[in-house]
Amino acid sequence: MSAEERQREIVRAARRSGSVDVTVLAAELGVAKETVRRDLRALEDHGLVRRTHGGAYPVESAGFETTLAFRTTMHVPEKRRIAAAAAELLGDAETVFVDEGFTPQLIAEALPRDRPLTVVTASLATAGALAEAENTTVLLLGGRVRSGTLATVDHWTTKMLAGFVIDLAFIGANGISREHGLTTPDPAVSEVKAQAVRASRRTVFAGVHTKFGAVSFCRFAPVSSLEAIVTSTLLPASEAHRYALQGPQVIRV
């Protein structure tokens, strides 16, 4: 097996399972661990994976995006901690945009029920979760439903969003980096996210540590547009500080 074929197989394995382990790959591919580490460095240079201690995980790109169903199985305890901390940033907001994705859905479910709140979302899953919530009005944005994420996109969605002035947006992304800001693989999704940021007085990004340093295809907001970033302590404090230098408060839980 050539290096190119081996690297293709590593990418397939990472995308299939959500992460790969150097030791396991070395055994499966019949090569030395150092060979696998070299392959992972090459794949990271090409933006296909992000290396971790002892392994790597895939970067979502124009050619690869995980489904909502898959996201509900990955880093779940971390996502729940992040969601609870993000919901505490609600303040006196009365209107809230909740982005598509599992972490934003968890934020929506953690929002208080003891006062009136209007939630605007493109996510069918979030709308369904909040539809019967006490004191909560749900505005579901119309548009084309993407099967993988169960969220609406295209001009119907962005036009409806453009008619609102929203107090607070809880935004997700497939990647966030200091150089490229917040990114996502699909241009149609990027347009919805960008419009949500424009329509909102305050914007909070919530995401697991693996999002940081990852860069996807479409840029939709700079780090400086965020009021706060909520992530976990798995993001090193030194790296969190570098993001904070661009403006947002960085909360690690």
C-alpha atoms as a PDB file:
ATOM      1  CA  MET A   1       0.000   0.000   0.000  1.00  0.00           C
ATOM      2  CA  SER A   2       1.438   3.369  -1.056  1.00  0.00           C
ATOM      3  CA  ALA A   3       1.546   6.386   1.273  1.00  0.00           C
ATOM      4  CA  GLU A   4      -1.285   7.994  -0.701  1.00  0.00           C
ATOM      5  CA  GLU A   5      -3.485   4.887  -0.428  1.00  0.00           C
ATOM      6  CA  ARG A   6      -2.661   4.564   3.267  1.00  0.00           C
ATOM      7  CA  GLN A   7      -3.579   8.182   3.922  1.00  0.00           C
ATOM      8  CA  ARG A   8      -6.857   7.802   2.047  1.00  0.00           C
ATOM      9  CA  GLU A   9      -7.685   4.825   4.252  1.00  0.00           C
ATOM     10  CA  ILE A  10      -6.821   6.816   7.395  1.00  0.00           C
ATOM     11  CA  VAL A  11      -9.167   9.632   6.321  1.00  0.00           C
ATOM     12  CA  ARG A  12     -11.949   7.127   5.608  1.00  0.00           C
ATOM     13  CA  ALA A  13     -11.469   5.535   9.037  1.00  0.00           C
ATOM     14  CA  ALA A  14     -11.472   8.910  10.795  1.00  0.00           C
ATOM     15  CA  ARG A  15     -14.651  10.014   9.033  1.00  0.00           C
ATOM     16  CA  ARG A  16     -16.355   6.704   9.687  1.00  0.00           C
ATOM     17  CA  SER A  17     -15.677   6.558  13.440  1.00  0.00           C
ATOM     18  CA  GLY A  18     -15.053  10.197  14.389  1.00  0.00           C
ATOM     19  CA  SER A  19     -11.415   9.657  15.399  1.00  0.00           C
ATOM     20  CA  VAL A  20      -8.446   7.367  14.870  1.00  0.00           C
ATOM     21  CA  ASP A  21      -5.735   5.996  17.170  1.00  0.00           C
ATOM     22  CA  VAL A  22      -2.093   5.721  16.082  1.00  0.00           C
ATOM     23  CA  THR A  23      -1.551   2.317  17.694  1.00  0.00           C
ATOM     24  CA  VAL A  24      -4.697   0.828  16.176  1.00  0.00           C
ATOM     25  CA  LEU A  25      -3.930   2.256  12.727  1.00  0.00           C
ATOM     26  CA  ALA A  26      -0.381   0.916  12.814  1.00  0.00           C
ATOM     27  CA  ALA A  27      -1.693  -2.589  13.578  1.00  0.00           C
ATOM     28  CA  GLU A  28      -4.463  -2.444  10.954  1.00  0.00           C
ATOM     29  CA  LEU A  29      -2.227  -1.028   8.214  1.00  0.00           C
ATOM     30  CA  GLY A  30       0.787  -3.170   9.084  1.00  0.00           C
ATOM     31  CA  VAL A  31       3.188  -0.233   9.430  1.00  0.00           C
ATOM     32  CA  ALA A  32       5.223   1.396  12.203  1.00  0.00           C
ATOM     33  CA  LYS A  33       3.607   3.969  14.503  1.00  0.00           C
ATOM     34  CA  GLU A  34       6.044   6.604  13.245  1.00  0.00           C
ATOM     35  CA  THR A  35       4.802   5.974   9.689  1.00  0.00           C
ATOM     36  CA  VAL A  36       1.230   6.614  10.850  1.00  0.00           C
ATOM     37  CA  ARG A  37       2.353   9.778  12.656  1.00  0.00           C
ATOM     38  CA  ARG A  38       3.993  10.987   9.431  1.00  0.00           C
ATOM     39  CA  ASP A  39       0.780  10.273   7.531  1.00  0.00           C
ATOM     40  CA  LEU A  40      -1.260  12.197  10.103  1.00  0.00           C
ATOM     41  CA  ARG A  41       1.113  15.177   9.876  1.00  0.00           C
ATOM     42  CA  ALA A  42       0.723  15.176   6.083  1.00  0.00           C
ATOM     43  CA  LEU A  43      -3.066  14.915   6.348  1.00  0.00           C
ATOM     44  CA  GLU A  44      -3.150  17.753   8.879  1.00  0.00           C
ATOM     45  CA  ASP A  45      -1.062  19.916   6.516  1.00  0.00           C
ATOM     46  CA  HIS A  46      -3.744  19.286   3.873  1.00  0.00           C
ATOM     47  CA  GLY A  47      -6.531  20.266   6.285  1.00  0.00           C
ATOM     48  CA  LEU A  48      -8.124  16.807   6.368  1.00  0.00           C
ATOM     49  CA  VAL A  49      -7.501  15.901  10.022  1.00  0.00           C
ATOM     50  CA  ARG A  50      -6.463  17.518  13.292  1.00  0.00           C
ATOM     51  CA  ARG A  51      -3.873  15.623  15.326  1.00  0.00           C
ATOM     52  CA  THR A  52      -4.360  14.875  18.999  1.00  0.00           C
ATOM     53  CA  HIS A  53      -2.187  13.110  21.547  1.00  0.00           C
ATOM     54  CA  GLY A  54      -2.017   9.571  20.183  1.00  0.00           C
ATOM     55  CA  GLY A  55      -4.396  10.036  17.258  1.00  0.00           C
ATOM     56  CA  ALA A  56      -6.459  12.415  15.151  1.00  0.00           C
ATOM     57  CA  TYR A  57     -10.018  13.397  14.248  1.00  0.00           C
ATOM     58  CA  PRO A  58     -11.459  14.458  10.865  1.00  0.00           C
ATOM     59  CA  VAL A  59     -11.971  18.079   9.817  1.00  0.00           C
ATOM     60  CA  GLU A  60     -15.324  18.785   8.198  1.00  0.00           C
ATOM     61  CA  SER A  61     -14.913  20.155   4.688  1.00  0.00           C
ATOM     62  CA  ALA A  62     -16.783  20.820   1.451  1.00  0.00           C
ATOM     63  CA  GLY A  63     -16.633  17.085   0.784  1.00  0.00           C
ATOM     64  CA  PHE A  64     -17.411  15.800   4.262  1.00  0.00           C
ATOM     65  CA  GLU A  65     -19.891  16.812   6.952  1.00  0.00           C
ATOM     66  CA  THR A  66     -21.177  14.752   9.869  1.00  0.00           C
ATOM     67  CA  THR A  67     -24.923  14.283  10.335  1.00  0.00           C
ATOM     68  CA  LEU A  68     -26.950  15.496  13.296  1.00  0.00           C
ATOM     69  CA  ALA A  69     -27.520  11.868  14.291  1.00  0.00           C
ATOM     70  CA  PHE A  70     -23.755  11.273  14.424  1.00  0.00           C
ATOM     71  CA  ARG A  71     -23.149  14.468  16.418  1.00  0.00           C
ATOM     72  CA  THR A  72     -25.565  13.306  19.127  1.00  0.00           C
ATOM     73  CA  THR A  73     -23.131  10.451  19.872  1.00  0.00           C
ATOM     74  CA  MET A  74     -19.839  12.388  20.074  1.00  0.00           C
ATOM     75  CA  HIS A  75     -18.430  14.312  23.094  1.00  0.00           C
ATOM     76  CA  VAL A  76     -21.891  14.333  24.693  1.00  0.00           C
ATOM     77  CA  PRO A  77     -20.890  15.066  28.344  1.00  0.00           C
ATOM     78  CA  GLU A  78     -18.652  17.912  27.127  1.00  0.00           C
ATOM     79  CA  LYS A  79     -21.461  19.312  24.971  1.00  0.00           C
ATOM     80  CA  ARG A  80     -23.924  19.221  27.882  1.00  0.00           C
ATOM     81  CA  ARG A  81     -21.526  21.165  30.140  1.00  0.00           C
ATOM     82  CA  ILE A  82     -20.932  23.723  27.418  1.00  0.00           C
ATOM     83  CA  ALA A  83     -24.657  24.087  26.700  1.00  0.00           C
ATOM     84  CA  ALA A  84     -25.509  24.676  30.363  1.00  0.00           C
ATOM     85  CA  ALA A  85     -22.823  27.375  30.647  1.00  0.00           C
ATOM     86  CA  ALA A  86     -23.913  29.032  27.393  1.00  0.00           C
ATOM     87  CA  ALA A  87     -27.562  29.170  28.487  1.00  0.00           C
ATOM     88  CA  GLU A  88     -26.461  31.131  31.566  1.00  0.00           C
ATOM     89  CA  LEU A  89     -25.364  33.968  29.228  1.00  0.00           C
ATOM     90  CA  LEU A  90     -28.995  34.660  28.287  1.00  0.00           C
ATOM     91  CA  GLY A  91     -29.122  37.768  30.490  1.00  0.00           C
ATOM     92  CA  ASP A  92     -32.209  39.884  29.809  1.00  0.00           C
ATOM     93  CA  ALA A  93     -32.601  38.683  26.200  1.00  0.00           C
ATOM     94  CA  GLU A  94     -36.201  38.161  25.129  1.00  0.00           C
ATOM     95  CA  THR A  95     -35.522  36.987  21.577  1.00  0.00           C
ATOM     96  CA  VAL A  96     -32.931  34.311  20.817  1.00  0.00           C
ATOM     97  CA  PHE A  97     -31.603  32.684  17.654  1.00  0.00           C
ATOM     98  CA  VAL A  98     -30.595  29.046  18.133  1.00  0.00           C
ATOM     99  CA  ASP A  99     -28.406  27.634  15.382  1.00  0.00           C
ATOM    100  CA  GLU A 100     -28.667  24.167  13.847  1.00  0.00           C
ATOM    101  CA  GLY A 101     -26.661  21.368  15.453  1.00  0.00           C
ATOM    102  CA  PHE A 102     -26.681  19.270  18.599  1.00  0.00           C
ATOM    103  CA  THR A 103     -24.880  21.670  20.967  1.00  0.00           C
ATOM    104  CA  PRO A 104     -27.216  24.580  20.103  1.00  0.00           C
ATOM    105  CA  GLN A 105     -30.171  22.213  20.590  1.00  0.00           C
ATOM    106  CA  LEU A 106     -28.871  21.385  24.071  1.00  0.00           C
ATOM    107  CA  ILE A 107     -28.570  25.117  24.783  1.00  0.00           C
ATOM    108  CA  ALA A 108     -32.190  25.619  23.748  1.00  0.00           C
ATOM    109  CA  GLU A 109     -33.304  22.846  26.074  1.00  0.00           C
ATOM    110  CA  ALA A 110     -31.350  24.485  28.932  1.00  0.00           C
ATOM    111  CA  LEU A 111     -32.988  27.914  28.529  1.00  0.00           C
ATOM    112  CA  PRO A 112     -35.241  29.042  31.401  1.00  0.00           C
ATOM    113  CA  ARG A 113     -38.972  28.356  31.260  1.00  0.00           C
ATOM    114  CA  ASP A 114     -39.994  30.822  33.963  1.00  0.00           C
ATOM    115  CA  ARG A 115     -40.260  33.883  31.697  1.00  0.00           C
ATOM    116  CA  PRO A 116     -41.462  34.644  28.149  1.00  0.00           C
ATOM    117  CA  LEU A 117     -38.897  33.878  25.467  1.00  0.00           C
ATOM    118  CA  THR A 118     -39.078  33.847  21.665  1.00  0.00           C
ATOM    119  CA  VAL A 119     -36.737  31.379  19.979  1.00  0.00           C
ATOM    120  CA  VAL A 120     -35.940  31.709  16.263  1.00  0.00           C
ATOM    121  CA  THR A 121     -34.353  28.641  14.680  1.00  0.00           C
ATOM    122  CA  ALA A 122     -33.701  26.875  11.383  1.00  0.00           C
ATOM    123  CA  SER A 123     -33.456  23.538  13.202  1.00  0.00           C
ATOM    124  CA  LEU A 124     -36.416  21.181  13.055  1.00  0.00           C
ATOM    125  CA  ALA A 125     -34.993  19.234  16.012  1.00  0.00           C
ATOM    126  CA  THR A 126     -34.746  22.356  18.183  1.00  0.00           C
ATOM    127  CA  ALA A 127     -38.199  23.573  17.162  1.00  0.00           C
ATOM    128  CA  GLY A 128     -39.640  20.172  18.043  1.00  0.00           C
ATOM    129  CA  ALA A 129     -37.847  20.076  21.392  1.00  0.00           C
ATOM    130  CA  LEU A 130     -39.213  23.504  22.377  1.00  0.00           C
ATOM    131  CA  ALA A 131     -42.645  23.370  20.741  1.00  0.00           C
ATOM    132  CA  GLU A 132     -44.463  22.570  23.998  1.00  0.00           C
ATOM    133  CA  ALA A 133     -42.101  24.387  26.379  1.00  0.00           C
ATOM    134  CA  GLU A 134     -43.816  26.699  28.815  1.00  0.00           C
ATOM    135  CA  ASN A 135     -43.481  30.470  28.149  1.00  0.00           C
ATOM    136  CA  THR A 136     -41.613  29.776  24.883  1.00  0.00           C
ATOM    137  CA  THR A 137     -42.675  30.936  21.431  1.00  0.00           C
ATOM    138  CA  VAL A 138     -40.887  29.144  18.588  1.00  0.00           C
ATOM    139  CA  LEU A 139     -40.412  30.720  15.155  1.00  0.00           C
ATOM    140  CA  LEU A 140     -39.227  28.073  12.689  1.00  0.00           C
ATOM    141  CA  LEU A 141     -37.507  29.580   9.647  1.00  0.00           C
ATOM    142  CA  GLY A 142     -38.809  28.290   6.323  1.00  0.00           C
ATOM    143  CA  GLY A 143     -36.662  26.921   3.514  1.00  0.00           C
ATOM    144  CA  ARG A 144     -35.122  23.795   2.039  1.00  0.00           C
ATOM    145  CA  VAL A 145     -34.514  21.128   4.669  1.00  0.00           C
ATOM    146  CA  ARG A 146     -31.054  19.533   4.594  1.00  0.00           C
ATOM    147  CA  SER A 147     -31.460  15.842   5.350  1.00  0.00           C
ATOM    148  CA  GLY A 148     -28.208  15.404   7.282  1.00  0.00           C
ATOM    149  CA  THR A 149     -28.755  18.250   9.728  1.00  0.00           C
ATOM    150  CA  LEU A 150     -32.578  18.604   9.642  1.00  0.00           C
ATOM    151  CA  ALA A 151     -32.294  22.383   9.257  1.00  0.00           C
ATOM    152  CA  THR A 152     -33.576  24.886   6.701  1.00  0.00           C
ATOM    153  CA  VAL A 153     -31.429  26.887   4.278  1.00  0.00           C
ATOM    154  CA  ASP A 154     -31.541  29.052   1.122  1.00  0.00           C
ATOM    155  CA  HIS A 155     -33.089  32.420   0.335  1.00  0.00           C
ATOM    156  CA  TRP A 156     -36.383  31.787   2.137  1.00  0.00           C
ATOM    157  CA  THR A 157     -34.476  31.240   5.375  1.00  0.00           C
ATOM    158  CA  THR A 158     -32.154  34.231   5.085  1.00  0.00           C
ATOM    159  CA  LYS A 159     -34.933  36.567   3.923  1.00  0.00           C
ATOM    160  CA  MET A 160     -37.057  35.688   6.968  1.00  0.00           C
ATOM    161  CA  LEU A 161     -34.043  36.167   9.274  1.00  0.00           C
ATOM    162  CA  ALA A 162     -33.286  39.551   7.718  1.00  0.00           C
ATOM    163  CA  GLY A 163     -36.661  40.821   8.967  1.00  0.00           C
ATOM    164  CA  PHE A 164     -35.711  40.363  12.631  1.00  0.00           C
ATOM    165  CA  VAL A 165     -33.668  42.212  15.225  1.00  0.00           C
ATOM    166  CA  ILE A 166     -32.655  39.488  17.678  1.00  0.00           C
ATOM    167  CA  ASP A 167     -31.245  40.040  21.173  1.00  0.00           C
ATOM    168  CA  LEU A 168     -28.886  37.055  21.264  1.00  0.00           C
ATOM    169  CA  ALA A 169     -27.664  34.388  18.845  1.00  0.00           C
ATOM    170  CA  PHE A 170     -26.243  31.051  19.952  1.00  0.00           C
ATOM    171  CA  ILE A 171     -24.073  30.046  16.993  1.00  0.00           C
ATOM    172  CA  GLY A 172     -22.346  26.779  16.146  1.00  0.00           C
ATOM    173  CA  ALA A 173     -19.649  26.110  13.557  1.00  0.00           C
ATOM    174  CA  ASN A 174     -17.737  23.206  12.074  1.00  0.00           C
ATOM    175  CA  GLY A 175     -14.488  25.017  12.795  1.00  0.00           C
ATOM    176  CA  ILE A 176     -13.146  28.140  14.500  1.00  0.00           C
ATOM    177  CA  SER A 177      -9.672  29.539  14.029  1.00  0.00           C
ATOM    178  CA  ARG A 178      -7.992  32.819  14.892  1.00  0.00           C
ATOM    179  CA  GLU A 179      -6.996  33.358  11.268  1.00  0.00           C
ATOM    180  CA  HIS A 180     -10.190  32.404   9.433  1.00  0.00           C
ATOM    181  CA  GLY A 181     -12.857  32.876  12.102  1.00  0.00           C
ATOM    182  CA  LEU A 182     -15.966  30.674  12.096  1.00  0.00           C
ATOM    183  CA  THR A 183     -16.357  28.283   9.165  1.00  0.00           C
ATOM    184  CA  THR A 184     -18.773  25.638   7.881  1.00  0.00           C
ATOM    185  CA  PRO A 185     -18.685  23.292   4.839  1.00  0.00           C
ATOM    186  CA  ASP A 186     -21.878  24.309   3.021  1.00  0.00           C
ATOM    187  CA  PRO A 187     -22.340  27.767   1.400  1.00  0.00           C
ATOM    188  CA  ALA A 188     -26.115  27.696   2.008  1.00  0.00           C
ATOM    189  CA  VAL A 189     -25.615  27.020   5.726  1.00  0.00           C
ATOM    190  CA  SER A 190     -22.938  29.708   5.849  1.00  0.00           C
ATOM    191  CA  GLU A 191     -25.414  32.279   4.518  1.00  0.00           C
ATOM    192  CA  VAL A 192     -27.949  31.465   7.240  1.00  0.00           C
ATOM    193  CA  LYS A 193     -25.321  31.686   9.978  1.00  0.00           C
ATOM    194  CA  ALA A 194     -23.932  34.974   8.611  1.00  0.00           C
ATOM    195  CA  GLN A 195     -27.418  36.487   8.469  1.00  0.00           C
ATOM    196  CA  ALA A 196     -28.128  35.344  12.046  1.00  0.00           C
ATOM    197  CA  VAL A 197     -24.957  37.091  13.246  1.00  0.00           C
ATOM    198  CA  ARG A 198     -25.925  40.269  11.354  1.00  0.00           C
ATOM    199  CA  ALA A 199     -29.457  40.195  12.772  1.00  0.00           C
ATOM    200  CA  SER A 200     -28.359  39.763  16.389  1.00  0.00           C
ATOM    201  CA  ARG A 201     -27.188  42.310  18.946  1.00  0.00           C
ATOM    202  CA  ARG A 202     -25.059  39.719  20.758  1.00  0.00           C
ATOM    203  CA  THR A 203     -23.475  36.511  19.464  1.00  0.00           C
ATOM    204  CA  VAL A 204     -22.193  33.575  21.505  1.00  0.00           C
ATOM    205  CA  PHE A 205     -20.274  30.671  19.960  1.00  0.00           C
ATOM    206  CA  ALA A 206     -20.514  27.344  21.767  1.00  0.00           C
ATOM    207  CA  GLY A 207     -18.461  24.342  20.709  1.00  0.00           C
ATOM    208  CA  VAL A 208     -16.310  21.430  21.837  1.00  0.00           C
ATOM    209  CA  HIS A 209     -12.522  21.680  21.942  1.00  0.00           C
ATOM    210  CA  THR A 210     -12.064  19.784  18.666  1.00  0.00           C
ATOM    211  CA  LYS A 211     -13.578  22.714  16.719  1.00  0.00           C
ATOM    212  CA  PHE A 212     -10.647  24.992  17.562  1.00  0.00           C
ATOM    213  CA  GLY A 213      -7.998  25.335  14.882  1.00  0.00           C
ATOM    214  CA  ALA A 214     -10.195  23.471  12.397  1.00  0.00           C
ATOM    215  CA  VAL A 215     -10.958  25.307   9.152  1.00  0.00           C
ATOM    216  CA  SER A 216     -13.836  24.412   6.850  1.00  0.00           C
ATOM    217  CA  PHE A 217     -14.841  25.742   3.414  1.00  0.00           C
ATOM    218  CA  CYS A 218     -17.053  28.793   4.062  1.00  0.00           C
ATOM    219  CA  ARG A 219     -16.252  31.692   6.382  1.00  0.00           C
ATOM    220  CA  PHE A 220     -19.269  33.383   7.949  1.00  0.00           C
ATOM    221  CA  ALA A 221     -18.040  35.457  10.921  1.00  0.00           C
ATOM    222  CA  PRO A 222     -14.778  36.691  12.443  1.00  0.00           C
ATOM    223  CA  VAL A 223     -13.840  35.831  16.035  1.00  0.00           C
ATOM    224  CA  SER A 224     -14.064  39.561  16.842  1.00  0.00           C
ATOM    225  CA  SER A 225     -17.834  39.520  16.147  1.00  0.00           C
ATOM    226  CA  LEU A 226     -18.418  37.263  19.160  1.00  0.00           C
ATOM    227  CA  GLU A 227     -19.329  38.476  22.635  1.00  0.00           C
ATOM    228  CA  ALA A 228     -18.328  35.139  24.156  1.00  0.00           C
ATOM    229  CA  ILE A 229     -16.927  31.711  23.328  1.00  0.00           C
ATOM    230  CA  VAL A 230     -18.056  28.790  25.473  1.00  0.00           C
ATOM    231  CA  THR A 231     -16.031  25.597  25.341  1.00  0.00           C
ATOM    232  CA  SER A 232     -14.511  23.063  27.732  1.00  0.00           C
ATOM    233  CA  THR A 233     -11.315  22.885  29.741  1.00  0.00           C
ATOM    234  CA  LEU A 234     -10.030  20.438  27.114  1.00  0.00           C
ATOM    235  CA  LEU A 235      -9.087  23.594  25.190  1.00  0.00           C
ATOM    236  CA  PRO A 236      -5.782  24.668  26.771  1.00  0.00           C
ATOM    237  CA  ALA A 237      -5.889  27.934  28.748  1.00  0.00           C
ATOM    238  CA  SER A 238      -3.065  29.358  26.603  1.00  0.00           C
ATOM    239  CA  GLU A 239      -5.077  28.776  23.428  1.00  0.00           C
ATOM    240  CA  ALA A 240      -8.218  30.234  25.007  1.00  0.00           C
ATOM    241  CA  HIS A 241      -6.222  33.366  25.872  1.00  0.00           C
ATOM    242  CA  ARG A 242      -5.171  33.793  22.232  1.00  0.00           C
ATOM    243  CA  TYR A 243      -8.833  33.810  21.169  1.00  0.00           C
ATOM    244  CA  ALA A 244      -9.715  36.246  23.967  1.00  0.00           C
ATOM    245  CA  LEU A 245      -7.136  38.701  22.579  1.00  0.00           C
ATOM    246  CA  GLN A 246      -9.430  39.078  19.540  1.00  0.00           C
ATOM    247  CA  GLY A 247     -12.279  40.370  21.706  1.00  0.00           C
ATOM    248  CA  PRO A 248     -14.634  37.703  23.055  1.00  0.00           C
ATOM    249  CA  GLN A 249     -14.794  36.463  26.617  1.00  0.00           C
ATOM    250  CA  VAL A 250     -13.708  32.810  26.603  1.00  0.00           C
ATOM    251  CA  ILE A 251     -15.454  30.549  29.102  1.00  0.00           C
ATOM    252  CA  ARG A 252     -14.041  27.049  29.736  1.00  0.00           C
ATOM    253  CA  VAL A 253     -16.169  24.553  31.668  1.00  0.00           C
END
